Amino acid sequence: MVIFHLSTECYPVAKVGGLADVVGALPKYQNKIKGIDAKVVMPWYNKPFIYDHELDIVFDGFIHQGADMLQVQVMKEKSDVLGFELYLIKIPGLLDRENPYGYEDESFQFLAFQHGVLHWLTAMQIRPDVLHCHDYHTGLVPFMVDNCPEFSFLKGVKTIGTIHNGEYQGVMGWNMVSYMPPFDTWKWGLLDWNGLINPLACMIKCCHAFTAVSQGYLEELFISFRGLEGLVRNEFEKAYGIINGIDTEVWNPETDPMLDYNFNQNNVIEQKRKNKEKLCKEYQLNPELPLFAFIGRFATEKGADLMPDVVWKGIQQTHGMFNIMVLGSGNAYIENRLRELDSIYTNFAADLGYKEYLSHKIYASADFLLMPSRVEPCGLNQMYAMRYGTVPIVRYTGGLKDTVQDISTGGAGLNFTYPGVDDVIHAIQRGISIYRQTELMENLVFTNMKFDFAWEKSAEKYIDLYKK
């Protein structure tokens, strides 16, 4: 069975969020299953990975997008170093940029990517068994495959859509339809949602099956989906919830090259302490206090806007009985507030920007990870934290409620219900109390490290869905 994963992100080529981690791991683990050949197709970016690896040009052609004629080059990473075949779509002026997102012509850009992929497959007579489309950036592919005569060779290929984050739907005006490949115009209703072209809604309507990245998130989409609740209810028979996994080869505290001190379940307490002491020394924190951490984009859906008030109010209310560290970026107002707090409080540290190596060090050093998310389709941070012996403190929502259970109900984490400053601080106070109970804290460390969030089980579930 041949599967092509279509995505705008893939770790380690280009990463903005969890989408990259999923696409960088899922096909690798699928390829470990007998009879499966999973590949990834993504845009070309001006990134170090591109220049550090040898690429072969496997296709060079042109597409018409409105009045524009665009060159489409397809490059293959030569050594399959990621555990799967990686193909990069390069379109000068559109798919040759520094970053995946943030451009004014994104709708045109993503249309060109989808058009370019299907043009290449059609021109080269490559007919996969499954086209697995990740998020709205590839949401028009299921429609194009079945309704654009240009791609008649692919008609009938099974399409699977995965919703990684339903907050982003790629909505665009009907003026953009002139840039799409010609299609059966009487099918326009498949593109439409409330008078606009909605690629995510189109994906749900047109794909053979769609998944959410956790069962908990799928259930939430039926009642809260930025206007698409009714559509999900209508299409419920082809909806599945499959929890993401983590790449346990990359995220392995025993072999992780980014750590100062590696560890396993036998020596975690001692080695984790060494990691914490070194990190605290670097950021002038007191290693004798419990260390709480927040890692992620400064987006309101992640609850990042709560963090400045959590810092100053939490330190005041506990009389400075804990350390807190924040790693992330993405909102100038939040960044400025955190900088100000960093200059005031000696037990708070902010590193503004995203550094992959530092996230690994923090997971290996922190005692608790804070995830006050308003929306969390799956969440990978809590899984990374647990694998590294860090106790997750999470809002009870989406994938977080599928993976983290409170200690009061037999779990090894801390839950809270409302995404508010006082609720987060109350959870921190619970954490401080637990930290002071050495035996309980060490048991939570051991228990969290035993959880198995490897991709194998989820990869099997996706294969079962493809076969179905």
Protein backbone atom coordinates (compact mmCIF):
# COMPACT_ATOMS: atom_id res chain seq x y z
CA MET A 1 0.00 0.00 0.00
CA VAL A 2 1.43 3.36 -1.08
CA ILE A 3 0.53 6.43 1.00
CA PHE A 4 1.45 10.01 0.22
CA HIS A 5 1.27 12.39 3.19
CA LEU A 6 0.70 15.97 2.01
CA SER A 7 1.68 18.67 4.50
CA THR A 8 3.14 22.17 4.81
CA GLU A 9 5.34 21.09 7.74
CA CYS A 10 7.59 18.15 8.53
CA TYR A 11 10.21 17.89 11.26
CA PRO A 12 13.14 18.40 10.92
CA VAL A 13 12.74 20.16 7.55
CA ALA A 14 10.38 22.92 8.69
CA LYS A 15 8.56 23.14 12.00
CA VAL A 16 6.08 25.64 13.41
CA GLY A 17 4.05 23.35 15.65
CA GLY A 18 2.92 19.82 16.35
CA LEU A 19 1.91 19.22 12.72
CA ALA A 20 5.61 18.98 11.84
CA ASP A 21 6.28 16.42 14.58
CA VAL A 22 3.38 14.24 13.43
CA VAL A 23 4.29 14.30 9.73
CA GLY A 24 7.93 13.72 10.56
CA ALA A 25 7.15 10.59 12.58
CA LEU A 26 3.91 8.93 11.44
CA PRO A 27 5.16 7.80 7.98
CA LYS A 28 8.41 6.51 9.50
CA TYR A 29 6.49 4.26 11.86
CA GLN A 30 4.01 3.25 9.14
CA ASN A 31 6.96 2.07 7.04
CA LYS A 32 7.87 -0.38 9.80
CA ILE A 33 4.62 -2.22 9.04
CA LYS A 34 4.92 -4.92 6.41
CA GLY A 35 3.57 -3.94 3.00
CA ILE A 36 3.39 -0.19 3.71
CA ASP A 37 5.23 2.45 1.69
CA ALA A 38 4.56 5.90 3.19
CA LYS A 39 6.05 9.08 1.70
CA VAL A 40 5.85 12.81 2.45
CA VAL A 41 5.28 15.67 0.02
CA MET A 42 5.76 19.22 1.26
CA PRO A 43 6.77 22.67 -0.03
CA TRP A 44 10.44 23.55 -0.55
CA TYR A 45 11.73 26.03 2.04
CA ASN A 46 14.93 28.02 2.33
CA LYS A 47 15.99 26.02 5.39
CA PRO A 48 19.26 24.44 6.59
CA PHE A 49 17.93 20.90 6.07
CA ILE A 50 17.61 21.58 2.35
CA TYR A 51 21.24 22.61 2.01
CA ASP A 52 22.59 19.91 4.32
CA HIS A 53 21.12 17.07 2.24
CA GLU A 54 21.49 16.05 -1.36
CA LEU A 55 18.40 16.43 -3.54
CA ASP A 56 17.54 14.98 -6.94
CA ILE A 57 15.19 16.81 -9.32
CA VAL A 58 12.63 14.15 -10.27
CA PHE A 59 10.18 16.40 -12.14
CA ASP A 60 10.21 19.79 -13.86
CA GLY A 61 7.04 21.18 -15.40
CA PHE A 62 4.53 24.02 -15.47
CA ILE A 63 1.02 24.72 -14.22
CA HIS A 64 -1.43 27.49 -15.11
CA GLN A 65 -2.94 29.28 -12.14
CA GLY A 66 -5.28 31.92 -13.49
CA ALA A 67 -3.27 33.95 -16.00
CA ASP A 68 0.01 32.91 -14.40
CA MET A 69 2.21 30.10 -15.65
CA LEU A 70 4.23 28.68 -12.76
CA GLN A 71 7.25 26.42 -12.91
CA VAL A 72 6.92 23.32 -10.70
CA GLN A 73 10.01 21.40 -9.68
CA VAL A 74 9.84 18.27 -7.53
CA MET A 75 12.96 17.34 -5.60
CA LYS A 76 13.57 14.12 -3.71
CA GLU A 77 15.87 13.85 -0.72
CA LYS A 78 18.37 11.31 -1.96
CA SER A 79 19.17 9.10 1.05
CA ASP A 80 15.72 8.75 2.70
CA VAL A 81 17.42 9.88 5.90
CA LEU A 82 14.09 10.47 7.66
CA GLY A 83 12.88 6.91 7.27
CA PHE A 84 10.65 7.68 4.30
CA GLU A 85 10.86 9.22 0.84
CA LEU A 86 10.68 13.02 1.11
CA TYR A 87 9.56 15.10 -1.87
CA LEU A 88 9.79 18.90 -1.97
CA ILE A 89 7.66 21.03 -4.30
CA LYS A 90 9.50 24.14 -5.46
CA ILE A 91 7.66 26.96 -7.24
CA PRO A 92 9.81 30.09 -7.68
CA GLY A 93 8.29 33.05 -5.89
CA LEU A 94 5.79 30.92 -3.93
CA LEU A 95 7.30 27.70 -2.63
CA ASP A 96 10.89 28.80 -2.09
CA ARG A 97 10.47 30.96 1.01
CA GLU A 98 11.95 31.08 4.50
CA ASN A 99 8.85 30.07 6.46
CA PRO A 100 5.68 28.04 5.98
CA TYR A 101 3.26 30.83 6.94
CA GLY A 102 2.84 34.55 7.36
CA TYR A 103 2.59 35.76 3.76
CA GLU A 104 -0.18 37.91 2.29
CA ASP A 105 -0.69 35.54 -0.65
CA GLU A 106 -1.00 32.36 1.46
CA SER A 107 -4.22 31.26 -0.25
CA PHE A 108 -2.55 31.50 -3.67
CA GLN A 109 0.55 29.82 -2.25
CA PHE A 110 -1.32 26.79 -0.83
CA LEU A 111 -3.41 26.47 -3.99
CA ALA A 112 -0.20 26.30 -6.01
CA PHE A 113 1.20 23.63 -3.70
CA GLN A 114 -1.87 21.40 -4.05
CA HIS A 115 -2.12 22.00 -7.79
CA GLY A 116 1.60 21.31 -8.22
CA VAL A 117 1.44 18.02 -6.30
CA LEU A 118 -1.48 16.68 -8.32
CA HIS A 119 0.01 17.88 -11.62
CA TRP A 120 3.25 16.02 -10.85
CA LEU A 121 1.48 12.79 -9.88
CA THR A 122 -0.71 12.95 -12.98
CA ALA A 123 2.10 13.83 -15.38
CA MET A 124 4.32 11.03 -14.05
CA GLN A 125 1.42 8.55 -13.84
CA ILE A 126 1.99 7.99 -10.11
CA ARG A 127 -1.21 6.66 -8.57
CA PRO A 128 -0.94 6.08 -4.80
CA ASP A 129 -3.45 4.04 -2.84
CA VAL A 130 -4.06 6.87 -0.35
CA LEU A 131 -3.53 10.62 -0.33
CA HIS A 132 -3.38 11.63 3.33
CA CYS A 133 -4.11 15.38 3.59
CA HIS A 134 -3.01 17.23 6.73
CA ASP A 135 -5.01 20.31 7.75
CA TYR A 136 -6.64 22.93 5.52
CA HIS A 137 -3.47 23.68 3.55
CA THR A 138 -4.14 20.45 1.61
CA GLY A 139 -7.90 20.44 2.12
CA LEU A 140 -8.80 21.04 -1.53
CA VAL A 141 -6.97 17.94 -2.76
CA PRO A 142 -9.90 15.53 -2.21
CA PHE A 143 -12.14 17.88 -4.23
CA MET A 144 -9.59 18.34 -7.04
CA VAL A 145 -8.91 14.62 -7.38
CA ASP A 146 -12.53 13.80 -8.08
CA ASN A 147 -13.77 16.96 -9.83
CA CYS A 148 -10.93 18.41 -11.93
CA PRO A 149 -10.63 16.78 -15.40
CA GLU A 150 -6.92 17.65 -15.39
CA PHE A 151 -6.42 15.00 -12.71
CA SER A 152 -8.72 12.32 -14.11
CA PHE A 153 -5.86 9.82 -13.83
CA LEU A 154 -6.15 10.12 -10.03
CA LYS A 155 -9.95 10.00 -9.86
CA GLY A 156 -11.02 7.43 -7.28
CA VAL A 157 -7.79 7.49 -5.25
CA LYS A 158 -8.78 7.28 -1.60
CA THR A 159 -8.31 10.50 0.38
CA ILE A 160 -7.97 10.84 4.14
CA GLY A 161 -8.08 14.21 5.89
CA THR A 162 -6.61 14.91 9.32
CA ILE A 163 -7.68 17.90 11.40
CA HIS A 164 -4.72 18.95 13.49
CA ASN A 165 -6.25 22.27 14.51
CA GLY A 166 -9.76 23.26 13.49
CA GLU A 167 -9.21 26.85 14.58
CA TYR A 168 -7.53 27.45 11.22
CA GLN A 169 -9.67 26.75 8.15
CA GLY A 170 -8.06 28.70 5.29
CA VAL A 171 -11.23 30.59 4.37
CA MET A 172 -10.94 32.69 1.20
CA GLY A 173 -13.21 34.68 -1.10
CA TRP A 174 -14.78 33.32 -4.26
CA ASN A 175 -12.46 35.54 -6.31
CA MET A 176 -9.82 32.85 -5.66
CA VAL A 177 -11.77 30.29 -7.66
CA SER A 178 -10.24 31.68 -10.87
CA TYR A 179 -6.85 30.37 -9.71
CA MET A 180 -8.06 26.81 -9.25
CA PRO A 181 -7.69 24.15 -11.93
CA PRO A 182 -10.86 23.91 -14.07
CA PHE A 183 -13.54 21.79 -12.38
CA ASP A 184 -17.13 20.69 -12.85
CA THR A 185 -18.74 24.02 -11.94
CA TRP A 186 -22.01 22.49 -10.77
CA LYS A 187 -19.98 21.00 -7.89
CA TRP A 188 -19.23 24.50 -6.49
CA GLY A 189 -21.26 23.73 -3.38
CA LEU A 190 -18.56 21.34 -2.18
CA LEU A 191 -16.19 24.30 -1.92
CA ASP A 192 -18.66 26.65 -0.29
CA TRP A 193 -19.39 27.31 3.36
CA ASN A 194 -21.40 30.39 4.29
CA GLY A 195 -20.65 32.13 1.01
CA LEU A 196 -16.89 31.60 1.09
CA ILE A 197 -14.45 28.90 -0.03
CA ASN A 198 -13.55 26.92 3.08
CA PRO A 199 -10.78 24.36 2.39
CA LEU A 200 -11.24 22.56 5.72
CA ALA A 201 -14.98 22.22 5.20
CA CYS A 202 -14.29 21.06 1.63
CA MET A 203 -11.91 18.41 2.93
CA ILE A 204 -14.52 17.06 5.33
CA LYS A 205 -17.17 16.97 2.59
CA CYS A 206 -15.02 15.36 -0.09
CA CYS A 207 -12.56 12.99 1.61
CA HIS A 208 -13.39 9.31 2.11
CA ALA A 209 -12.68 9.59 5.85
CA PHE A 210 -11.34 12.22 8.19
CA THR A 211 -9.65 12.06 11.55
CA ALA A 212 -9.12 14.33 14.51
CA VAL A 213 -5.87 13.95 16.41
CA SER A 214 -7.55 12.63 19.55
CA GLN A 215 -10.90 11.14 20.48
CA GLY A 216 -11.48 13.93 22.98
CA TYR A 217 -10.91 16.59 20.32
CA LEU A 218 -13.21 14.84 17.86
CA GLU A 219 -16.00 14.93 20.45
CA GLU A 220 -15.40 18.66 20.99
CA LEU A 221 -15.66 19.35 17.24
CA PHE A 222 -19.30 18.24 17.32
CA ILE A 223 -20.14 21.12 19.66
CA SER A 224 -17.40 23.73 19.02
CA PHE A 225 -15.74 23.99 15.60
CA ARG A 226 -15.84 27.63 14.51
CA GLY A 227 -19.08 27.17 12.59
CA LEU A 228 -18.47 23.67 11.20
CA GLU A 229 -20.26 21.78 14.00
CA GLY A 230 -23.25 20.94 11.79
CA LEU A 231 -21.01 19.69 9.00
CA VAL A 232 -19.17 17.31 11.32
CA ARG A 233 -22.50 16.00 12.62
CA ASN A 234 -23.69 15.42 9.05
CA GLU A 235 -20.48 13.58 8.17
CA PHE A 236 -20.11 11.70 11.47
CA GLU A 237 -20.06 8.28 9.80
CA LYS A 238 -16.64 8.96 8.30
CA ALA A 239 -15.15 10.65 11.41
CA TYR A 240 -12.48 8.97 13.53
CA GLY A 241 -10.43 10.04 16.53
CA ILE A 242 -6.84 8.74 16.50
CA ILE A 243 -4.46 10.06 19.13
CA ASN A 244 -1.07 11.25 17.96
CA GLY A 245 2.05 9.51 19.16
CA ILE A 246 5.58 10.76 19.69
CA ASP A 247 8.77 9.72 17.99
CA THR A 248 10.43 7.76 20.79
CA GLU A 249 13.66 7.57 18.80
CA VAL A 250 13.97 11.36 18.81
CA TRP A 251 12.43 11.83 22.26
CA ASN A 252 14.46 9.35 24.29
CA PRO A 253 16.08 10.71 27.48
CA GLU A 254 18.56 7.83 27.47
CA THR A 255 20.07 8.74 24.08
CA ASP A 256 18.96 12.34 23.45
CA PRO A 257 22.11 14.19 22.25
CA MET A 258 20.63 17.54 23.31
CA LEU A 259 20.75 16.69 27.02
CA ASP A 260 23.65 17.43 29.33
CA TYR A 261 22.93 14.28 31.34
CA ASN A 262 21.08 11.34 29.82
CA PHE A 263 18.94 9.09 31.97
CA ASN A 264 16.52 6.19 32.13
CA GLN A 265 14.07 4.93 34.74
CA ASN A 266 16.89 3.51 36.85
CA ASN A 267 18.79 6.77 37.37
CA VAL A 268 16.20 9.43 36.53
CA ILE A 269 16.10 11.10 39.94
CA GLU A 270 19.84 11.71 40.13
CA GLN A 271 20.37 12.64 36.47
CA LYS A 272 17.29 14.80 36.20
CA ARG A 273 18.53 16.69 39.22
CA LYS A 274 21.87 17.34 37.46
CA ASN A 275 20.08 18.64 34.38
CA LYS A 276 17.97 20.91 36.55
CA GLU A 277 20.98 22.27 38.44
CA LYS A 278 22.79 23.12 35.21
CA LEU A 279 19.75 24.79 33.64
CA CYS A 280 19.05 26.76 36.83
CA LYS A 281 22.66 27.92 36.99
CA GLU A 282 22.48 29.14 33.40
CA TYR A 283 19.29 31.14 34.06
CA GLN A 284 20.11 32.20 37.65
CA LEU A 285 17.33 30.16 39.27
CA ASN A 286 17.37 28.38 42.62
CA PRO A 287 17.66 24.59 41.99
CA GLU A 288 16.24 23.83 45.44
CA LEU A 289 12.82 25.12 44.41
CA PRO A 290 10.35 23.23 42.18
CA LEU A 291 10.74 24.25 38.54
CA PHE A 292 7.58 24.83 36.48
CA ALA A 293 7.86 25.37 32.72
CA PHE A 294 5.77 26.57 29.79
CA ILE A 295 6.94 25.68 26.27
CA GLY A 296 5.11 26.72 23.13
CA ARG A 297 3.75 29.35 20.80
CA PHE A 298 2.39 32.50 22.44
CA ALA A 299 -1.13 31.91 21.14
CA THR A 300 -4.35 32.45 23.09
CA GLU A 301 -5.45 28.91 22.24
CA LYS A 302 -2.39 27.70 24.19
CA GLY A 303 -3.28 29.93 27.14
CA ALA A 304 -0.01 31.81 26.68
CA ASP A 305 -1.72 35.13 27.40
CA LEU A 306 -2.27 33.89 30.98
CA MET A 307 1.41 33.37 31.67
CA PRO A 308 2.50 36.93 32.58
CA ASP A 309 -0.22 37.16 35.26
CA VAL A 310 0.49 33.59 36.38
CA VAL A 311 4.12 34.60 36.92
CA TRP A 312 3.69 37.79 38.93
CA LYS A 313 0.56 36.76 40.81
CA GLY A 314 1.81 33.22 41.45
CA ILE A 315 5.16 34.41 42.82
CA GLN A 316 3.40 36.91 45.09
CA GLN A 317 0.83 34.44 46.40
CA THR A 318 3.40 31.72 47.14
CA HIS A 319 6.04 34.16 48.43
CA GLY A 320 8.41 32.99 45.73
CA MET A 321 8.32 29.30 46.62
CA PHE A 322 8.80 28.08 43.04
CA ASN A 323 10.78 28.77 39.87
CA ILE A 324 9.08 29.26 36.55
CA MET A 325 10.58 29.27 33.06
CA VAL A 326 8.94 30.17 29.74
CA LEU A 327 10.23 29.24 26.29
CA GLY A 328 8.38 30.52 23.26
CA SER A 329 7.42 33.45 21.05
CA GLY A 330 4.71 34.69 18.75
CA ASN A 331 3.00 37.65 20.42
CA ALA A 332 4.81 40.95 20.96
CA TYR A 333 2.63 42.04 23.90
CA ILE A 334 3.19 38.79 25.79
CA GLU A 335 6.90 38.86 24.99
CA ASN A 336 7.28 42.42 26.33
CA ARG A 337 5.43 41.61 29.54
CA LEU A 338 7.58 38.55 30.12
CA ARG A 339 10.77 40.53 29.50
CA GLU A 340 9.66 43.03 32.12
CA LEU A 341 8.91 40.29 34.65
CA ASP A 342 12.24 38.62 33.88
CA SER A 343 14.01 41.81 34.92
CA ILE A 344 12.06 41.97 38.20
CA TYR A 345 11.87 38.42 39.58
CA THR A 346 14.91 36.29 40.29
CA ASN A 347 12.92 33.05 40.18
CA PHE A 348 11.51 33.64 36.71
CA ALA A 349 13.32 33.16 33.40
CA ALA A 350 12.07 33.82 29.88
CA ASP A 351 13.81 32.69 26.71
CA LEU A 352 11.93 34.34 23.86
CA GLY A 353 12.23 32.54 20.58
CA TYR A 354 12.04 28.85 19.78
CA LYS A 355 15.06 26.64 20.30
CA GLU A 356 14.56 22.94 19.76
CA TYR A 357 17.58 21.95 21.83
CA LEU A 358 16.46 24.11 24.75
CA SER A 359 13.01 22.53 24.78
CA HIS A 360 14.67 19.13 25.24
CA LYS A 361 16.79 20.48 28.11
CA ILE A 362 13.73 21.97 29.81
CA TYR A 363 11.73 18.73 29.56
CA ALA A 364 14.68 16.92 31.14
CA SER A 365 15.09 19.50 33.91
CA ALA A 366 11.64 20.76 34.91
CA ASP A 367 9.60 19.20 37.67
CA PHE A 368 6.25 20.30 36.19
CA LEU A 369 5.04 21.35 32.72
CA LEU A 370 2.20 23.90 32.45
CA MET A 371 -0.35 23.57 29.62
CA PRO A 372 -3.26 25.97 30.30
CA SER A 373 -4.67 25.45 26.80
CA ARG A 374 -8.05 26.78 25.75
CA VAL A 375 -7.89 24.46 22.73
CA GLU A 376 -5.59 21.43 22.49
CA PRO A 377 -6.51 18.99 19.69
CA CYS A 378 -3.94 16.45 20.87
CA GLY A 379 -0.95 18.04 22.50
CA LEU A 380 2.51 16.54 22.25
CA ASN A 381 4.26 18.59 24.93
CA GLN A 382 2.61 16.66 27.74
CA MET A 383 3.80 13.39 26.17
CA TYR A 384 7.36 14.67 25.82
CA ALA A 385 7.27 15.86 29.43
CA MET A 386 6.00 12.53 30.77
CA ARG A 387 8.64 10.59 28.84
CA TYR A 388 11.28 12.82 30.45
CA GLY A 389 9.87 12.35 33.96
CA THR A 390 8.20 15.75 34.19
CA VAL A 391 4.73 15.95 35.75
CA PRO A 392 2.17 17.55 33.39
CA ILE A 393 -0.25 20.18 34.69
CA VAL A 394 -2.98 20.52 32.05
CA ARG A 395 -6.37 21.98 31.44
CA TYR A 396 -8.90 19.18 31.02
CA THR A 397 -9.64 19.55 27.31
CA GLY A 398 -9.15 17.81 23.94
CA GLY A 399 -6.22 15.44 23.75
CA LEU A 400 -5.01 16.52 27.19
CA LYS A 401 -7.91 14.75 28.86
CA ASP A 402 -7.14 11.65 26.78
CA THR A 403 -3.52 11.48 27.95
CA VAL A 404 -3.27 13.06 31.42
CA GLN A 405 -5.30 11.94 34.41
CA ASP A 406 -5.25 13.72 37.76
CA ILE A 407 -3.54 12.04 40.71
CA SER A 408 -6.87 12.20 42.56
CA THR A 409 -8.32 9.71 40.06
CA GLY A 410 -5.31 7.43 39.95
CA GLY A 411 -3.34 9.32 37.30
CA ALA A 412 0.11 10.86 37.40
CA GLY A 413 -0.65 14.47 36.46
CA LEU A 414 -2.63 17.48 37.61
CA ASN A 415 -5.81 18.69 35.90
CA PHE A 416 -7.79 21.90 36.14
CA THR A 417 -11.02 22.83 34.39
CA TYR A 418 -11.13 26.54 33.65
CA PRO A 419 -8.43 28.34 31.60
CA GLY A 420 -7.91 31.16 34.05
CA VAL A 421 -4.99 32.64 36.00
CA ASP A 422 -6.32 31.62 39.42
CA ASP A 423 -6.92 28.03 38.28
CA VAL A 424 -3.36 27.76 36.96
CA ILE A 425 -1.95 29.19 40.19
CA HIS A 426 -4.04 26.77 42.26
CA ALA A 427 -2.59 23.91 40.20
CA ILE A 428 0.92 25.30 40.81
CA GLN A 429 0.22 25.37 44.55
CA ARG A 430 -0.83 21.72 44.36
CA GLY A 431 2.42 21.01 42.55
CA ILE A 432 4.48 22.77 45.22
CA SER A 433 2.78 20.64 47.87
CA ILE A 434 3.51 17.45 45.93
CA TYR A 435 7.13 18.47 45.37
CA ARG A 436 7.64 18.69 49.13
CA GLN A 437 6.47 15.07 49.50
CA THR A 438 9.61 13.43 48.17
CA GLU A 439 8.30 9.87 47.90
CA LEU A 440 5.09 10.95 46.14
CA MET A 441 7.02 13.17 43.73
CA GLU A 442 9.50 10.45 42.84
CA ASN A 443 6.68 7.96 42.27
CA LEU A 444 5.03 10.40 39.86
CA VAL A 445 8.32 10.74 37.97
CA PHE A 446 8.65 6.95 37.64
CA THR A 447 4.98 6.50 36.67
CA ASN A 448 5.08 9.17 33.96
CA MET A 449 8.17 7.64 32.39
CA LYS A 450 6.35 4.31 32.05
CA PHE A 451 3.55 5.67 29.85
CA ASP A 452 3.80 4.48 26.25
CA PHE A 453 2.96 7.16 23.71
CA ALA A 454 4.99 5.65 20.86
CA TRP A 455 3.61 5.92 17.33
CA GLU A 456 3.29 2.17 16.74
CA LYS A 457 -0.30 1.84 17.98
CA SER A 458 -1.55 4.97 16.23
CA ALA A 459 0.27 4.05 13.01
CA GLU A 460 -1.56 0.71 13.03
CA LYS A 461 -4.89 2.48 13.52
CA TYR A 462 -4.25 4.68 10.49
CA ILE A 463 -3.37 1.64 8.38
CA ASP A 464 -6.58 -0.07 9.51
CA LEU A 465 -8.48 3.07 8.45
CA TYR A 466 -6.79 3.12 5.04
CA LYS A 467 -7.72 -0.51 4.48
CA LYS A 468 -11.30 0.13 5.55
